[in-house]
């Protein structure tokens, strides 16, 4: 190669690299309590029954804290949790289902019909503002 002659820039490769970086940044920005799966989105939740009011709380590590006024008796807290999530996410009540943790405070909620990005956007106003 001659002196003073630069190699041609490959803009396609540069764009692809930036697109991959943007996708990686987007994945890293996704809260750890939201996981996208082939059958919907899974939301890791720590439920606090007998709270003063129903509300979406803060992120606690890999879980989102949600408070409900219902007691943890005969699935009353679970029955209060699912409609609260469905209303917050703007989806039908049947789209939010309890996948794991029927008798535990640590639960996994499966949400169908929404992407992980949509769930994160709809929840961002609730858990990030605290």
Protein backbone atom coordinates (compact mmCIF):
# COMPACT_ATOMS: atom_id res chain seq x y z
CA UNK A 1 0.00 0.00 0.00
CA UNK A 2 1.27 3.46 -0.87
CA UNK A 3 2.09 6.00 1.75
CA UNK A 4 -0.64 8.56 2.37
CA UNK A 5 -3.40 6.38 0.89
CA UNK A 6 -5.95 5.37 3.46
CA UNK A 7 -7.94 2.22 3.35
CA UNK A 8 -11.57 2.65 2.42
CA UNK A 9 -14.00 2.84 5.32
CA UNK A 10 -16.62 0.15 5.35
CA UNK A 11 -19.76 1.98 6.49
CA UNK A 12 -21.90 -1.15 6.49
CA UNK A 13 -19.64 -2.84 9.01
CA UNK A 14 -19.65 0.29 11.16
CA UNK A 15 -23.44 0.49 11.07
CA UNK A 16 -23.75 -3.19 11.91
CA UNK A 17 -21.38 -2.79 14.84
CA UNK A 18 -23.38 0.18 16.15
CA UNK A 19 -26.65 -1.74 15.72
CA UNK A 20 -25.27 -4.67 17.69
CA UNK A 21 -24.01 -2.27 20.35
CA UNK A 22 -27.40 -0.56 20.50
CA UNK A 23 -29.11 -3.94 20.88
CA UNK A 24 -26.71 -4.91 23.64
CA UNK A 25 -27.24 -1.59 25.38
CA UNK A 26 -30.99 -2.10 25.11
CA UNK A 27 -30.70 -5.56 26.65
CA UNK A 28 -28.50 -4.22 29.44
CA UNK A 29 -31.02 -1.44 30.12
CA UNK A 30 -33.85 -3.97 30.58
CA UNK A 31 -34.64 -4.46 34.27
CA UNK A 32 -33.48 -7.81 35.62
CA UNK A 33 -36.96 -8.71 36.89
CA UNK A 34 -38.33 -8.78 33.31
CA UNK A 35 -37.51 -11.76 31.08
CA UNK A 36 -38.86 -12.27 27.58
CA UNK A 37 -39.76 -15.84 26.68
CA UNK A 38 -41.36 -17.43 23.64
CA UNK A 39 -44.79 -17.64 25.29
CA UNK A 40 -44.76 -14.12 26.73
CA UNK A 41 -42.97 -12.06 29.33
CA UNK A 42 -42.10 -13.29 32.82
CA UNK A 43 -42.05 -10.83 35.67
CA UNK A 44 -40.30 -11.71 38.96
CA UNK A 45 -42.25 -10.23 41.84
CA UNK A 46 -41.91 -10.00 45.61
CA UNK A 47 -45.42 -9.57 46.96
CA UNK A 48 -46.13 -7.75 50.22
CA UNK A 49 -49.63 -8.56 51.47
CA UNK A 50 -51.53 -6.49 54.06
CA UNK A 51 -50.01 -3.22 52.86
CA UNK A 52 -51.63 0.16 53.42
CA UNK A 53 -52.52 0.44 49.71
CA UNK A 54 -52.19 -1.43 46.42
CA UNK A 55 -49.11 -0.20 44.56
CA UNK A 56 -46.17 -1.17 42.40
CA UNK A 57 -43.10 -0.60 44.55
CA UNK A 58 -39.39 -0.44 43.83
CA UNK A 59 -37.03 -2.91 42.22
CA UNK A 60 -35.38 -5.12 44.82
CA UNK A 61 -32.48 -6.85 43.10
CA UNK A 62 -33.98 -9.27 40.59
CA UNK A 63 -37.58 -8.72 41.72
CA UNK A 64 -40.17 -5.98 41.56
CA UNK A 65 -41.83 -5.28 44.90
CA UNK A 66 -45.61 -5.04 44.70
CA UNK A 67 -47.84 -4.22 47.67
CA UNK A 68 -51.46 -5.28 48.04
CA UNK A 69 -53.95 -4.68 50.83
CA UNK A 70 -55.31 -8.23 50.75
CA UNK A 71 -54.15 -10.72 53.39
CA UNK A 72 -52.09 -13.78 52.41
CA UNK A 73 -55.03 -16.09 53.12
CA UNK A 74 -56.77 -18.41 50.63
CA UNK A 75 -55.04 -16.80 47.63
CA UNK A 76 -56.57 -13.37 48.35
CA UNK A 77 -53.23 -11.61 47.83
CA UNK A 78 -52.73 -13.40 44.50
CA UNK A 79 -56.24 -12.43 43.42
CA UNK A 80 -55.42 -8.79 44.22
CA UNK A 81 -52.01 -8.91 42.50
CA UNK A 82 -53.10 -10.04 39.05
CA UNK A 83 -55.78 -7.38 38.41
CA UNK A 84 -53.40 -4.69 39.72
CA UNK A 85 -50.73 -5.76 37.24
CA UNK A 86 -53.20 -6.11 34.36
CA UNK A 87 -54.57 -2.61 35.01
CA UNK A 88 -51.08 -1.10 35.27
CA UNK A 89 -49.95 -2.80 32.06
CA UNK A 90 -53.18 -1.99 30.21
CA UNK A 91 -53.83 -5.60 29.24
CA UNK A 92 -56.80 -7.93 29.82
CA UNK A 93 -56.96 -9.59 33.24
CA UNK A 94 -56.50 -13.01 31.63
CA UNK A 95 -53.18 -11.94 30.09
CA UNK A 96 -51.52 -11.90 33.53
CA UNK A 97 -51.21 -15.38 35.04
CA UNK A 98 -49.45 -16.67 38.12
CA UNK A 99 -46.80 -19.07 36.81
CA UNK A 100 -44.97 -19.83 40.05
CA UNK A 101 -45.19 -19.04 43.75
CA UNK A 102 -48.84 -19.65 44.65
CA UNK A 103 -48.01 -19.80 48.38
CA UNK A 104 -44.77 -17.81 48.41
CA UNK A 105 -44.06 -14.09 48.50
CA UNK A 106 -41.63 -14.62 45.61
CA UNK A 107 -43.70 -15.08 42.47
CA UNK A 108 -43.33 -15.32 38.71
CA UNK A 109 -46.07 -13.74 36.65
CA UNK A 110 -46.45 -14.63 32.96
CA UNK A 111 -47.83 -11.84 30.82
CA UNK A 112 -49.01 -12.68 27.32
CA UNK A 113 -49.66 -10.27 24.49
CA UNK A 114 -46.92 -7.78 25.41
CA UNK A 115 -43.20 -7.63 24.72
CA UNK A 116 -40.57 -7.14 27.40
CA UNK A 117 -39.99 -3.61 26.10
CA UNK A 118 -43.70 -2.75 26.42
CA UNK A 119 -43.83 -4.13 29.96
CA UNK A 120 -40.71 -2.19 30.95
CA UNK A 121 -42.11 1.04 29.47
CA UNK A 122 -45.48 0.66 31.22
CA UNK A 123 -43.87 -0.18 34.55
CA UNK A 124 -41.10 2.43 34.29
CA UNK A 125 -43.31 5.21 35.56
CA UNK A 126 -44.09 3.22 38.67
CA UNK A 127 -40.84 1.64 39.85
CA UNK A 128 -38.22 4.11 38.54
CA UNK A 129 -39.80 7.20 40.03
CA UNK A 130 -39.17 6.09 43.61
